[in-house]
């Protein structure tokens, strides 16, 4: 993929604009958090929370790792929440989606 695409991704995944700082045992990374609204209605099996990040930023994150999402990223929570990474899905364009499960 051309370099310009990675530059655009870097701009989109920016803590100041859309992303939040996500922490894990290896440090932290910037990611866009997509909340599974089904969790608040007890049908979480129909939707799953995800994190979208630059592939290079999540190189040390693997399936089975825990990540902590800050409270300001979760619309229905006043505190941060820990998730388990179920699946790590790189799309070969410089972007990776982490599929999460509540711990």
C-alpha atoms as a PDB file:
ATOM      1  CA  UNK A   1       0.000   0.000   0.000  1.00  0.00           C
ATOM      2  CA  UNK A   2       1.327   3.464  -0.824  1.00  0.00           C
ATOM      3  CA  UNK A   3       2.880   5.525   1.955  1.00  0.00           C
ATOM      4  CA  UNK A   4       0.262   8.283   1.612  1.00  0.00           C
ATOM      5  CA  UNK A   5      -2.416   5.881   2.836  1.00  0.00           C
ATOM      6  CA  UNK A   6      -0.513   5.164   6.053  1.00  0.00           C
ATOM      7  CA  UNK A   7      -0.095   8.889   6.599  1.00  0.00           C
ATOM      8  CA  UNK A   8      -3.859   9.375   6.275  1.00  0.00           C
ATOM      9  CA  UNK A   9      -4.477   6.564   8.762  1.00  0.00           C
ATOM     10  CA  UNK A  10      -2.055   8.166  11.217  1.00  0.00           C
ATOM     11  CA  UNK A  11      -4.054  11.390  11.025  1.00  0.00           C
ATOM     12  CA  UNK A  12      -7.394   9.630  11.488  1.00  0.00           C
ATOM     13  CA  UNK A  13      -6.223   7.668  14.531  1.00  0.00           C
ATOM     14  CA  UNK A  14      -5.298  10.669  16.608  1.00  0.00           C
ATOM     15  CA  UNK A  15      -6.075  10.982  20.316  1.00  0.00           C
ATOM     16  CA  UNK A  16      -7.018  14.650  19.951  1.00  0.00           C
ATOM     17  CA  UNK A  17      -9.546  13.987  17.181  1.00  0.00           C
ATOM     18  CA  UNK A  18     -11.229  10.591  17.320  1.00  0.00           C
ATOM     19  CA  UNK A  19      -9.115   8.126  19.263  1.00  0.00           C
ATOM     20  CA  UNK A  20      -8.426   7.484  22.905  1.00  0.00           C
ATOM     21  CA  UNK A  21      -5.308   6.325  24.675  1.00  0.00           C
ATOM     22  CA  UNK A  22      -5.762   2.610  25.404  1.00  0.00           C
ATOM     23  CA  UNK A  23      -3.527   0.911  27.948  1.00  0.00           C
ATOM     24  CA  UNK A  24      -2.316  -2.684  28.078  1.00  0.00           C
ATOM     25  CA  UNK A  25       0.480  -4.582  29.779  1.00  0.00           C
ATOM     26  CA  UNK A  26       2.978  -3.497  27.123  1.00  0.00           C
ATOM     27  CA  UNK A  27       2.220   0.223  27.379  1.00  0.00           C
ATOM     28  CA  UNK A  28      -0.411   2.226  25.534  1.00  0.00           C
ATOM     29  CA  UNK A  29      -1.595   2.993  22.020  1.00  0.00           C
ATOM     30  CA  UNK A  30      -4.118   5.260  20.310  1.00  0.00           C
ATOM     31  CA  UNK A  31      -7.278   3.655  18.994  1.00  0.00           C
ATOM     32  CA  UNK A  32     -10.823   4.455  18.000  1.00  0.00           C
ATOM     33  CA  UNK A  33     -13.207   2.627  20.340  1.00  0.00           C
ATOM     34  CA  UNK A  34     -16.527   1.397  18.993  1.00  0.00           C
ATOM     35  CA  UNK A  35     -18.837   0.675  21.888  1.00  0.00           C
ATOM     36  CA  UNK A  36     -21.194  -2.301  21.701  1.00  0.00           C
ATOM     37  CA  UNK A  37     -24.459  -0.616  22.567  1.00  0.00           C
ATOM     38  CA  UNK A  38     -26.085  -4.033  22.893  1.00  0.00           C
ATOM     39  CA  UNK A  39     -24.297  -4.479  26.228  1.00  0.00           C
ATOM     40  CA  UNK A  40     -26.615  -2.034  27.944  1.00  0.00           C
ATOM     41  CA  UNK A  41     -29.687  -3.947  26.680  1.00  0.00           C
ATOM     42  CA  UNK A  42     -28.410  -7.462  27.505  1.00  0.00           C
ATOM     43  CA  UNK A  43     -27.945  -8.578  23.901  1.00  0.00           C
ATOM     44  CA  UNK A  44     -24.196  -8.174  23.706  1.00  0.00           C
ATOM     45  CA  UNK A  45     -23.978 -11.348  21.631  1.00  0.00           C
ATOM     46  CA  UNK A  46     -25.294  -9.333  18.670  1.00  0.00           C
ATOM     47  CA  UNK A  47     -22.669  -6.619  18.840  1.00  0.00           C
ATOM     48  CA  UNK A  48     -19.093  -6.610  20.018  1.00  0.00           C
ATOM     49  CA  UNK A  49     -16.866  -3.712  21.054  1.00  0.00           C
ATOM     50  CA  UNK A  50     -13.840  -3.044  18.855  1.00  0.00           C
ATOM     51  CA  UNK A  51     -10.698  -0.930  18.748  1.00  0.00           C
ATOM     52  CA  UNK A  52      -9.343   0.356  15.446  1.00  0.00           C
ATOM     53  CA  UNK A  53      -5.691   1.364  15.417  1.00  0.00           C
ATOM     54  CA  UNK A  54      -2.599   1.658  13.285  1.00  0.00           C
ATOM     55  CA  UNK A  55      -1.134  -1.819  12.821  1.00  0.00           C
ATOM     56  CA  UNK A  56       2.290  -0.581  13.922  1.00  0.00           C
ATOM     57  CA  UNK A  57       0.815   0.754  17.188  1.00  0.00           C
ATOM     58  CA  UNK A  58      -0.659  -2.604  18.203  1.00  0.00           C
ATOM     59  CA  UNK A  59       2.225  -4.833  17.139  1.00  0.00           C
ATOM     60  CA  UNK A  60       2.763  -5.946  20.749  1.00  0.00           C
ATOM     61  CA  UNK A  61      -0.933  -6.679  21.371  1.00  0.00           C
ATOM     62  CA  UNK A  62      -2.125 -10.261  20.825  1.00  0.00           C
ATOM     63  CA  UNK A  63      -5.347 -12.211  21.152  1.00  0.00           C
ATOM     64  CA  UNK A  64      -5.763 -13.067  24.823  1.00  0.00           C
ATOM     65  CA  UNK A  65      -4.267  -9.776  26.069  1.00  0.00           C
ATOM     66  CA  UNK A  66      -6.221  -7.389  28.253  1.00  0.00           C
ATOM     67  CA  UNK A  67      -6.706  -3.737  27.316  1.00  0.00           C
ATOM     68  CA  UNK A  68      -8.196  -0.931  29.381  1.00  0.00           C
ATOM     69  CA  UNK A  69     -10.502   1.591  27.729  1.00  0.00           C
ATOM     70  CA  UNK A  70     -10.832   4.958  29.526  1.00  0.00           C
ATOM     71  CA  UNK A  71     -14.199   6.057  30.908  1.00  0.00           C
ATOM     72  CA  UNK A  72     -14.521   9.003  28.517  1.00  0.00           C
ATOM     73  CA  UNK A  73     -14.583   6.546  25.585  1.00  0.00           C
ATOM     74  CA  UNK A  74     -17.536   4.592  27.010  1.00  0.00           C
ATOM     75  CA  UNK A  75     -20.824   6.514  26.795  1.00  0.00           C
ATOM     76  CA  UNK A  76     -22.607   4.572  29.542  1.00  0.00           C
ATOM     77  CA  UNK A  77     -19.800   4.283  32.076  1.00  0.00           C
ATOM     78  CA  UNK A  78     -18.230   6.578  34.635  1.00  0.00           C
ATOM     79  CA  UNK A  79     -15.150   4.391  34.978  1.00  0.00           C
ATOM     80  CA  UNK A  80     -12.638   2.702  32.724  1.00  0.00           C
ATOM     81  CA  UNK A  81     -13.326  -0.848  31.590  1.00  0.00           C
ATOM     82  CA  UNK A  82     -11.057  -3.815  30.944  1.00  0.00           C
ATOM     83  CA  UNK A  83     -11.572  -5.978  27.867  1.00  0.00           C
ATOM     84  CA  UNK A  84     -10.009  -9.163  26.559  1.00  0.00           C
ATOM     85  CA  UNK A  85      -8.745  -9.100  22.964  1.00  0.00           C
ATOM     86  CA  UNK A  86     -10.546 -11.942  21.190  1.00  0.00           C
ATOM     87  CA  UNK A  87      -9.341 -11.398  17.638  1.00  0.00           C
ATOM     88  CA  UNK A  88      -6.656  -9.244  16.057  1.00  0.00           C
ATOM     89  CA  UNK A  89      -7.646  -8.452  12.456  1.00  0.00           C
ATOM     90  CA  UNK A  90      -5.043  -6.560  10.401  1.00  0.00           C
ATOM     91  CA  UNK A  91      -6.414  -5.489   7.026  1.00  0.00           C
ATOM     92  CA  UNK A  92      -3.018  -5.241   5.266  1.00  0.00           C
ATOM     93  CA  UNK A  93      -3.442  -1.496   4.715  1.00  0.00           C
ATOM     94  CA  UNK A  94      -1.880  -0.336   7.971  1.00  0.00           C
ATOM     95  CA  UNK A  95      -5.040  -0.630  10.060  1.00  0.00           C
ATOM     96  CA  UNK A  96      -5.898  -3.351  12.611  1.00  0.00           C
ATOM     97  CA  UNK A  97      -9.209  -4.012  14.324  1.00  0.00           C
ATOM     98  CA  UNK A  98      -9.154  -5.630  17.739  1.00  0.00           C
ATOM     99  CA  UNK A  99     -12.374  -7.466  18.577  1.00  0.00           C
ATOM    100  CA  UNK A 100     -13.007  -7.265  22.311  1.00  0.00           C
ATOM    101  CA  UNK A 101     -14.937  -9.063  25.022  1.00  0.00           C
ATOM    102  CA  UNK A 102     -15.829  -7.701  28.467  1.00  0.00           C
ATOM    103  CA  UNK A 103     -13.797  -9.172  31.313  1.00  0.00           C
END
